[in-house]
Amino acid sequence: MFNKNLCRLYRMAPLDFDGTADSLHHPFDLKGRRQMEFLRFHGEFDDLPYEAVLADLRAAHPGLFGAGDDRFTAGSLEHDAGRTAAA
């Protein structure tokens, strides 16, 4: 989940959330560039389908986790945002 600091670093508006209604990712960043989009609808669940989420994350981002476990590899979104902003 993006907190306010990550939103600032990635130049995205923080999401409004009132605790009762869904809050969806913004499709555009603060400069109007396409940022996020939903490509698939996976259904509605009473509880988080943890194993399915992990399987999809592993498939889409093979370097995200350490070998054979559910722990993230070393890294920092804040550090990566700094490199992106400098480029």
C-alpha atoms as a PDB file:
ATOM      1  CA  MET A   1       0.000   0.000   0.000  1.00  0.00           C
ATOM      2  CA  PHE A   2       1.308   3.466  -0.813  1.00  0.00           C
ATOM      3  CA  ASN A   3       1.552   5.820   2.110  1.00  0.00           C
ATOM      4  CA  LYS A   4       1.609   9.612   1.739  1.00  0.00           C
ATOM      5  CA  ASN A   5       5.407   9.707   1.545  1.00  0.00           C
ATOM      6  CA  LEU A   6       5.505   7.173  -1.308  1.00  0.00           C
ATOM      7  CA  CYS A   7       2.727   9.041  -3.100  1.00  0.00           C
ATOM      8  CA  ARG A   8       4.798  12.216  -2.878  1.00  0.00           C
ATOM      9  CA  LEU A   9       7.959  10.427  -4.057  1.00  0.00           C
ATOM     10  CA  TYR A  10       6.178   8.836  -7.021  1.00  0.00           C
ATOM     11  CA  ARG A  11       4.286  12.079  -7.726  1.00  0.00           C
ATOM     12  CA  MET A  12       0.822  10.614  -7.190  1.00  0.00           C
ATOM     13  CA  ALA A  13      -2.080  12.070  -5.251  1.00  0.00           C
ATOM     14  CA  PRO A  14      -2.870  10.161  -2.029  1.00  0.00           C
ATOM     15  CA  LEU A  15      -6.112   8.213  -2.256  1.00  0.00           C
ATOM     16  CA  ASP A  16      -9.170   9.409  -0.394  1.00  0.00           C
ATOM     17  CA  PHE A  17     -10.611   6.696   1.806  1.00  0.00           C
ATOM     18  CA  ASP A  18     -13.481   7.170   4.240  1.00  0.00           C
ATOM     19  CA  GLY A  19     -13.337   3.705   5.827  1.00  0.00           C
ATOM     20  CA  THR A  20     -16.600   2.538   4.271  1.00  0.00           C
ATOM     21  CA  ALA A  21     -16.302   2.858   0.480  1.00  0.00           C
ATOM     22  CA  ASP A  22     -13.682   1.337  -1.801  1.00  0.00           C
ATOM     23  CA  SER A  23     -10.690   3.459  -2.682  1.00  0.00           C
ATOM     24  CA  LEU A  24      -9.220   2.669  -6.105  1.00  0.00           C
ATOM     25  CA  HIS A  25      -5.801   3.503  -7.497  1.00  0.00           C
ATOM     26  CA  HIS A  26      -5.586   6.696  -9.510  1.00  0.00           C
ATOM     27  CA  PRO A  27      -5.131   6.023 -13.221  1.00  0.00           C
ATOM     28  CA  PHE A  28      -2.938   9.138 -13.655  1.00  0.00           C
ATOM     29  CA  ASP A  29      -0.054  10.746 -11.784  1.00  0.00           C
ATOM     30  CA  LEU A  30       0.066  14.441 -10.846  1.00  0.00           C
ATOM     31  CA  LYS A  31       1.325  15.353 -14.347  1.00  0.00           C
ATOM     32  CA  GLY A  32      -1.576  13.560 -16.044  1.00  0.00           C
ATOM     33  CA  ARG A  33       0.508  10.579 -17.232  1.00  0.00           C
ATOM     34  CA  ARG A  34      -1.060   7.108 -17.127  1.00  0.00           C
ATOM     35  CA  GLN A  35       0.104   5.524 -13.888  1.00  0.00           C
ATOM     36  CA  MET A  36      -2.014   2.500 -12.938  1.00  0.00           C
ATOM     37  CA  GLU A  37      -4.768   0.467 -14.461  1.00  0.00           C
ATOM     38  CA  PHE A  38      -6.746  -2.625 -13.608  1.00  0.00           C
ATOM     39  CA  LEU A  39      -6.155  -5.312 -16.224  1.00  0.00           C
ATOM     40  CA  ARG A  40      -8.177  -8.144 -14.710  1.00  0.00           C
ATOM     41  CA  PHE A  41     -11.010  -8.621 -12.283  1.00  0.00           C
ATOM     42  CA  HIS A  42     -10.200 -11.494  -9.926  1.00  0.00           C
ATOM     43  CA  GLY A  43     -13.512 -11.618  -8.093  1.00  0.00           C
ATOM     44  CA  GLU A  44     -14.761 -10.679  -4.649  1.00  0.00           C
ATOM     45  CA  PHE A  45     -13.627 -12.506  -1.536  1.00  0.00           C
ATOM     46  CA  ASP A  46     -14.683 -12.653   2.111  1.00  0.00           C
ATOM     47  CA  ASP A  47     -11.009 -12.876   3.055  1.00  0.00           C
ATOM     48  CA  LEU A  48      -7.753 -12.126   1.262  1.00  0.00           C
ATOM     49  CA  PRO A  49      -6.829 -15.073  -1.022  1.00  0.00           C
ATOM     50  CA  TYR A  50      -3.247 -14.955   0.283  1.00  0.00           C
ATOM     51  CA  GLU A  51      -1.775 -17.842  -1.715  1.00  0.00           C
ATOM     52  CA  ALA A  52      -3.355 -16.624  -4.966  1.00  0.00           C
ATOM     53  CA  VAL A  53      -1.988 -13.109  -4.381  1.00  0.00           C
ATOM     54  CA  LEU A  54       1.505 -14.477  -3.727  1.00  0.00           C
ATOM     55  CA  ALA A  55       1.360 -16.704  -6.813  1.00  0.00           C
ATOM     56  CA  ASP A  56       0.353 -13.757  -9.006  1.00  0.00           C
ATOM     57  CA  LEU A  57       3.069 -11.538  -7.484  1.00  0.00           C
ATOM     58  CA  ARG A  58       5.707 -14.202  -8.086  1.00  0.00           C
ATOM     59  CA  ALA A  59       4.583 -14.626 -11.699  1.00  0.00           C
ATOM     60  CA  ALA A  60       4.540 -10.887 -12.438  1.00  0.00           C
ATOM     61  CA  HIS A  61       7.643  -9.930 -10.417  1.00  0.00           C
ATOM     62  CA  PRO A  62      10.009 -12.922 -10.195  1.00  0.00           C
ATOM     63  CA  GLY A  63      12.742 -10.965  -8.379  1.00  0.00           C
ATOM     64  CA  LEU A  64      10.453  -9.617  -5.667  1.00  0.00           C
ATOM     65  CA  PHE A  65      10.799 -12.516  -3.217  1.00  0.00           C
ATOM     66  CA  GLY A  66      13.769 -14.498  -1.966  1.00  0.00           C
ATOM     67  CA  ALA A  67      14.222 -18.017  -3.282  1.00  0.00           C
ATOM     68  CA  GLY A  68      11.582 -20.346  -1.865  1.00  0.00           C
ATOM     69  CA  ASP A  69      10.086 -18.025   0.726  1.00  0.00           C
ATOM     70  CA  ASP A  70       7.542 -15.249   1.196  1.00  0.00           C
ATOM     71  CA  ARG A  71      10.015 -12.599   2.332  1.00  0.00           C
ATOM     72  CA  PHE A  72      10.754  -9.663   0.087  1.00  0.00           C
ATOM     73  CA  THR A  73      14.253  -9.291  -1.255  1.00  0.00           C
ATOM     74  CA  ALA A  74      16.291  -6.297  -0.120  1.00  0.00           C
ATOM     75  CA  GLY A  75      15.214  -3.000  -1.599  1.00  0.00           C
ATOM     76  CA  SER A  76      13.332   0.176  -0.955  1.00  0.00           C
ATOM     77  CA  LEU A  77      10.496   1.841  -2.846  1.00  0.00           C
ATOM     78  CA  GLU A  78      11.683   5.157  -1.463  1.00  0.00           C
ATOM     79  CA  HIS A  79      15.214   4.503  -2.768  1.00  0.00           C
ATOM     80  CA  ASP A  80      13.867   3.406  -6.164  1.00  0.00           C
ATOM     81  CA  ALA A  81      11.690   6.540  -6.358  1.00  0.00           C
ATOM     82  CA  GLY A  82      14.783   8.671  -5.822  1.00  0.00           C
ATOM     83  CA  ARG A  83      16.552   6.955  -8.723  1.00  0.00           C
ATOM     84  CA  THR A  84      13.477   7.394 -10.936  1.00  0.00           C
ATOM     85  CA  ALA A  85      13.193  11.092 -10.085  1.00  0.00           C
ATOM     86  CA  ALA A  86      16.890  11.646 -10.845  1.00  0.00           C
ATOM     87  CA  ALA A  87      16.623  10.016 -14.278  1.00  0.00           C
END
